[in-house]
Amino acid sequence: MERDLRFPQVKYLYGSFVEKGSAFEQLTAHIHADYWQLEIAVSGDLLLRLDDRELTIPPGNAVLVPPGVRHHFVYNDPGISFATAKFKTDALFPDLPAEVISSGAVESYFLAEIVHLLQQLPPEFERIIGFLLGNLFAMHYGSRRDPGMPKIITIINSLISRHGGRIRIQELAERSGYSRDYLNRVIKNRFGIPLKNYIDNELAERARRYLDYSERNISEVASQLGFPDIYSFSRFFSRMNNGLSPTAFRHRHQQPPLFKNLSKDQ
């Protein structure tokens, strides 16, 4: 039976933000038995030492360390600032490696929001940080598969994730190295819908999450998802949500109060 790595249940456990020039302890090599760690480099380079390799995390990037992986973070850069978040998932996924998350457009958004929240850390932020961590996990590991998952679907999911769902079928075909007809046939056989519907469903789900949890206005959400303007985004969203506009959706689904008042300029 396939694991669905695209939508894990995440429980946020602990987080902190270390300011530039602050004193902090350099941990020796250790293992987390049952939780994940996300380390975000805000300024300066982080160095992660594993048993078999070293990973450098430049500013704006992050690294996910799974349970059961022996690791040691090195904070030698005197100008470094970083954020840490620890969380549990609904399964341990022990076969997944520690990997750097590069700051693409969508990843940058979630990393920036996590850092912003970890700088504040009131208790009511825990659910929102958990949501953001779940999305990062899904974007980075969501295309991983069990042996039963066809390789081509792994490729499709990865390309859709990296392009925010706005990738066109022809571009998907060119980037994957497969024909449009073959890609469409694979998705149709696997999920019972055409490839275009599959891509639209992924994009609509991401749009709903942004409208539910992001403090950005609708025009900014449209831009984040790759739409040329708010009008094309509104038409798409209404078509995918039984005629409900983005504004009506946001009003119907109560936003967390913290996002209604949160400003990045605070």
Protein backbone atom coordinates (compact mmCIF):
# COMPACT_ATOMS: atom_id res chain seq x y z
CA MET A 1 0.00 0.00 0.00
CA GLU A 2 1.37 3.44 -0.95
CA ARG A 3 2.29 5.99 1.66
CA ASP A 4 0.92 9.43 0.96
CA LEU A 5 3.84 11.75 1.71
CA ARG A 6 2.06 14.72 0.18
CA PHE A 7 -0.25 15.43 3.10
CA PRO A 8 1.29 14.29 6.41
CA GLN A 9 -0.29 15.00 9.77
CA VAL A 10 2.19 17.23 11.63
CA LYS A 11 2.40 18.15 15.31
CA TYR A 12 4.66 21.10 16.13
CA LEU A 13 6.74 20.47 19.27
CA TYR A 14 9.26 23.26 19.80
CA GLY A 15 10.84 26.20 18.04
CA SER A 16 13.33 29.02 18.56
CA PHE A 17 15.02 31.86 16.74
CA VAL A 18 18.67 32.74 17.43
CA GLU A 19 19.60 36.35 16.68
CA LYS A 20 22.80 37.37 14.94
CA GLY A 21 25.63 37.52 17.42
CA SER A 22 23.75 35.70 20.20
CA ALA A 23 25.54 33.14 22.35
CA PHE A 24 24.37 29.56 21.88
CA GLU A 25 25.62 26.05 22.44
CA GLN A 26 27.02 23.89 19.65
CA LEU A 27 25.46 20.48 20.07
CA THR A 28 27.51 17.32 19.63
CA ALA A 29 26.37 14.55 17.31
CA HIS A 30 22.98 13.19 18.36
CA ILE A 31 19.87 11.40 17.11
CA HIS A 32 16.20 12.31 17.42
CA ALA A 33 14.30 9.14 18.22
CA ASP A 34 10.84 10.14 17.02
CA TYR A 35 10.78 13.71 15.75
CA TRP A 36 11.97 15.82 12.82
CA GLN A 37 14.06 18.99 12.92
CA LEU A 38 13.88 21.89 10.48
CA GLU A 39 16.87 24.26 10.64
CA ILE A 40 16.60 27.50 8.64
CA ALA A 41 19.66 29.65 7.87
CA VAL A 42 18.55 33.29 8.10
CA SER A 43 22.00 34.91 7.84
CA GLY A 44 25.37 33.20 7.49
CA ASP A 45 25.99 29.58 6.48
CA LEU A 46 24.94 26.59 8.58
CA LEU A 47 26.98 23.40 8.40
CA LEU A 48 25.37 20.02 9.04
CA ARG A 49 27.64 17.02 9.61
CA LEU A 50 26.17 13.58 9.08
CA ASP A 51 27.81 10.18 9.38
CA ASP A 52 28.61 10.03 5.68
CA ARG A 53 28.54 13.61 4.38
CA GLU A 54 28.40 17.34 5.11
CA LEU A 55 25.66 19.72 3.98
CA THR A 56 26.06 23.48 3.75
CA ILE A 57 22.88 25.50 4.23
CA PRO A 58 23.23 29.04 2.83
CA PRO A 59 21.02 31.94 3.99
CA GLY A 60 17.41 31.57 2.88
CA ASN A 61 17.69 27.79 2.69
CA ALA A 62 16.89 25.11 5.26
CA VAL A 63 17.48 21.46 6.03
CA LEU A 64 15.10 18.73 7.18
CA VAL A 65 16.59 16.09 9.50
CA PRO A 66 14.46 12.94 9.91
CA PRO A 67 14.19 10.80 13.06
CA GLY A 68 16.99 8.28 13.48
CA VAL A 69 19.65 10.28 11.57
CA ARG A 70 22.82 11.07 13.53
CA HIS A 71 23.74 14.69 12.93
CA HIS A 72 25.73 17.63 14.27
CA PHE A 73 25.06 21.29 13.44
CA VAL A 74 28.08 23.60 13.38
CA TYR A 75 27.54 27.34 13.95
CA ASN A 76 30.98 28.80 13.23
CA ASP A 77 29.91 31.90 11.31
CA PRO A 78 29.91 34.83 13.81
CA GLY A 79 27.20 36.59 11.80
CA ILE A 80 24.80 33.66 11.75
CA SER A 81 21.10 33.82 12.61
CA PHE A 82 18.94 30.73 12.38
CA ALA A 83 15.55 29.29 13.27
CA THR A 84 14.82 25.80 14.58
CA ALA A 85 11.54 23.88 14.60
CA LYS A 86 10.97 20.33 15.85
CA PHE A 87 7.88 18.35 14.91
CA LYS A 88 6.35 14.89 14.69
CA THR A 89 4.63 13.36 11.69
CA ASP A 90 1.95 10.68 11.62
CA ALA A 91 4.63 8.18 10.56
CA LEU A 92 8.40 8.15 11.10
CA PHE A 93 9.40 7.66 7.42
CA PRO A 94 12.83 6.40 8.57
CA ASP A 95 14.05 5.80 5.01
CA LEU A 96 13.92 9.50 4.06
CA PRO A 97 17.31 11.28 4.07
CA ALA A 98 18.36 14.61 5.58
CA GLU A 99 18.24 17.08 2.71
CA VAL A 100 18.64 20.79 2.03
CA ILE A 101 15.51 22.70 1.01
CA SER A 102 16.45 25.22 -1.66
CA SER A 103 14.49 28.46 -1.56
CA GLY A 104 12.26 28.30 -4.62
CA ALA A 105 9.29 30.66 -4.83
CA VAL A 106 6.88 28.50 -2.85
CA GLU A 107 9.46 27.15 -0.40
CA SER A 108 10.67 30.69 0.34
CA TYR A 109 7.17 31.71 1.29
CA PHE A 110 6.76 28.95 3.89
CA LEU A 111 10.29 29.35 5.26
CA ALA A 112 9.79 33.10 5.69
CA GLU A 113 6.47 32.58 7.48
CA ILE A 114 7.98 30.00 9.84
CA VAL A 115 10.89 32.30 10.72
CA HIS A 116 8.48 35.19 11.29
CA LEU A 117 6.33 33.13 13.63
CA LEU A 118 9.30 31.66 15.51
CA GLN A 119 10.49 35.20 16.25
CA GLN A 120 7.20 35.77 18.12
CA LEU A 121 6.22 32.34 19.51
CA PRO A 122 2.93 33.00 21.32
CA PRO A 123 1.22 29.66 22.14
CA GLU A 124 -1.61 30.16 19.65
CA PHE A 125 0.88 30.01 16.75
CA GLU A 126 1.51 26.30 17.23
CA ARG A 127 -1.26 25.09 14.91
CA ILE A 128 -0.19 27.47 12.15
CA ILE A 129 3.48 26.52 12.42
CA GLY A 130 2.40 22.87 12.20
CA PHE A 131 0.48 23.64 9.01
CA LEU A 132 3.49 25.39 7.47
CA LEU A 133 5.82 22.54 8.45
CA GLY A 134 3.42 20.04 6.89
CA ASN A 135 3.45 21.97 3.63
CA LEU A 136 7.24 22.13 3.54
CA PHE A 137 7.43 18.40 4.22
CA ALA A 138 4.89 17.75 1.48
CA MET A 139 6.65 19.94 -1.08
CA HIS A 140 10.06 18.41 -0.43
CA TYR A 141 9.24 14.76 0.12
CA GLY A 142 5.81 14.54 -1.51
CA SER A 143 7.12 13.10 -4.74
CA ARG A 144 8.86 10.24 -2.91
CA ARG A 145 7.17 6.94 -3.39
CA ASP A 146 6.96 3.36 -2.28
CA PRO A 147 8.07 0.77 -4.83
CA GLY A 148 4.47 0.49 -6.05
CA MET A 149 4.31 4.11 -7.19
CA PRO A 150 5.19 4.45 -10.90
CA LYS A 151 8.32 6.52 -11.45
CA ILE A 152 6.58 8.81 -13.93
CA ILE A 153 4.04 9.92 -11.28
CA THR A 154 6.95 10.78 -8.98
CA ILE A 155 8.35 12.99 -11.75
CA ILE A 156 4.97 14.62 -12.44
CA ASN A 157 4.37 15.42 -8.77
CA SER A 158 7.86 16.88 -8.40
CA LEU A 159 7.47 19.17 -11.42
CA ILE A 160 4.00 20.34 -10.37
CA SER A 161 5.27 21.11 -6.86
CA ARG A 162 8.26 23.10 -8.09
CA HIS A 163 6.14 25.23 -10.44
CA GLY A 164 3.38 25.98 -7.96
CA GLY A 165 0.86 24.02 -10.01
CA ARG A 166 0.95 26.53 -12.90
CA ILE A 167 3.01 24.33 -15.20
CA ARG A 168 1.42 23.70 -18.60
CA ILE A 169 1.05 20.20 -19.98
CA GLN A 170 3.46 20.88 -22.86
CA GLU A 171 6.08 22.21 -20.44
CA LEU A 172 5.48 19.22 -18.17
CA ALA A 173 6.06 16.91 -21.12
CA GLU A 174 9.24 18.69 -22.17
CA ARG A 175 10.70 18.76 -18.68
CA SER A 176 9.82 15.15 -17.91
CA GLY A 177 10.99 13.77 -21.26
CA TYR A 178 7.66 12.01 -21.94
CA SER A 179 4.95 12.80 -24.49
CA ARG A 180 1.76 14.64 -23.56
CA ASP A 181 -0.33 11.62 -24.52
CA TYR A 182 1.70 9.27 -22.34
CA LEU A 183 1.54 11.54 -19.29
CA ASN A 184 -2.19 11.98 -19.69
CA ARG A 185 -2.70 8.23 -20.05
CA VAL A 186 -0.68 7.51 -16.88
CA ILE A 187 -2.69 9.96 -14.77
CA LYS A 188 -5.98 8.82 -16.28
CA ASN A 189 -5.23 5.18 -15.52
CA ARG A 190 -4.00 5.93 -12.01
CA PHE A 191 -6.47 8.57 -10.79
CA GLY A 192 -9.35 8.42 -13.26
CA ILE A 193 -9.02 12.05 -14.39
CA PRO A 194 -7.16 13.83 -17.22
CA LEU A 195 -3.75 15.34 -16.51
CA LYS A 196 -5.11 18.89 -16.80
CA ASN A 197 -7.65 18.15 -14.06
CA TYR A 198 -4.92 16.63 -11.90
CA ILE A 199 -2.77 19.76 -12.19
CA ASP A 200 -5.76 22.04 -11.54
CA ASN A 201 -6.74 20.05 -8.45
CA GLU A 202 -3.24 20.42 -7.02
CA LEU A 203 -3.27 24.17 -7.67
CA ALA A 204 -6.77 24.64 -6.25
CA GLU A 205 -5.83 22.83 -3.06
CA ARG A 206 -2.79 25.07 -2.61
CA ALA A 207 -4.93 28.17 -3.26
CA ARG A 208 -7.44 27.10 -0.60
CA ARG A 209 -4.65 26.64 1.93
CA TYR A 210 -3.17 30.06 1.18
CA LEU A 211 -6.56 31.73 1.56
CA ASP A 212 -7.25 29.85 4.78
CA TYR A 213 -3.92 30.41 6.51
CA SER A 214 -1.96 33.19 4.81
CA GLU A 215 -2.23 36.84 5.82
CA ARG A 216 -1.47 37.90 2.23
CA ASN A 217 -4.20 39.62 0.26
CA ILE A 218 -5.83 37.87 -2.69
CA SER A 219 -3.73 39.68 -5.27
CA GLU A 220 -0.55 38.50 -3.52
CA VAL A 221 -1.87 34.93 -3.35
CA ALA A 222 -2.59 35.04 -7.08
CA SER A 223 0.94 36.22 -7.80
CA GLN A 224 2.45 33.60 -5.46
CA LEU A 225 0.65 30.85 -7.37
CA GLY A 226 1.82 32.11 -10.76
CA PHE A 227 -1.31 33.83 -12.06
CA PRO A 228 -0.74 36.95 -14.20
CA ASP A 229 -3.42 38.92 -12.34
CA ILE A 230 -6.15 38.67 -9.72
CA TYR A 231 -8.88 38.33 -12.35
CA SER A 232 -7.50 35.14 -13.90
CA PHE A 233 -6.93 33.72 -10.41
CA SER A 234 -10.51 34.56 -9.37
CA ARG A 235 -11.93 32.91 -12.49
CA PHE A 236 -9.88 29.79 -11.89
CA PHE A 237 -10.72 29.63 -8.19
CA SER A 238 -14.45 30.08 -8.77
CA ARG A 239 -14.44 27.37 -11.42
CA MET A 240 -12.70 24.96 -9.04
CA ASN A 241 -14.90 25.79 -6.03
CA ASN A 242 -18.47 25.63 -7.32
CA GLY A 243 -18.68 29.33 -8.13
CA LEU A 244 -17.25 30.52 -4.80
CA SER A 245 -14.94 33.51 -5.23
CA PRO A 246 -11.65 33.79 -3.32
CA THR A 247 -13.14 36.59 -1.22
CA ALA A 248 -16.25 34.58 -0.38
CA PHE A 249 -14.13 31.52 0.42
CA ARG A 250 -11.95 33.51 2.80
CA HIS A 251 -15.00 34.98 4.55
CA ARG A 252 -16.68 31.58 4.82
CA HIS A 253 -13.60 29.90 6.27
CA GLN A 254 -12.66 31.69 9.43
CA GLN A 255 -9.03 32.80 9.41
CA PRO A 256 -6.91 32.37 12.50
CA PRO A 257 -6.99 35.71 14.38
CA LEU A 258 -3.20 35.83 14.51
CA PHE A 259 -2.99 36.10 10.72
CA LYS A 260 -5.59 38.86 10.60
CA ASN A 261 -3.39 41.17 12.66
CA LEU A 262 0.09 39.94 11.81
CA SER A 263 2.35 42.31 9.90
CA LYS A 264 5.81 41.55 8.58
CA ASP A 265 6.80 45.10 9.53
CA GLN A 266 6.16 44.53 13.26
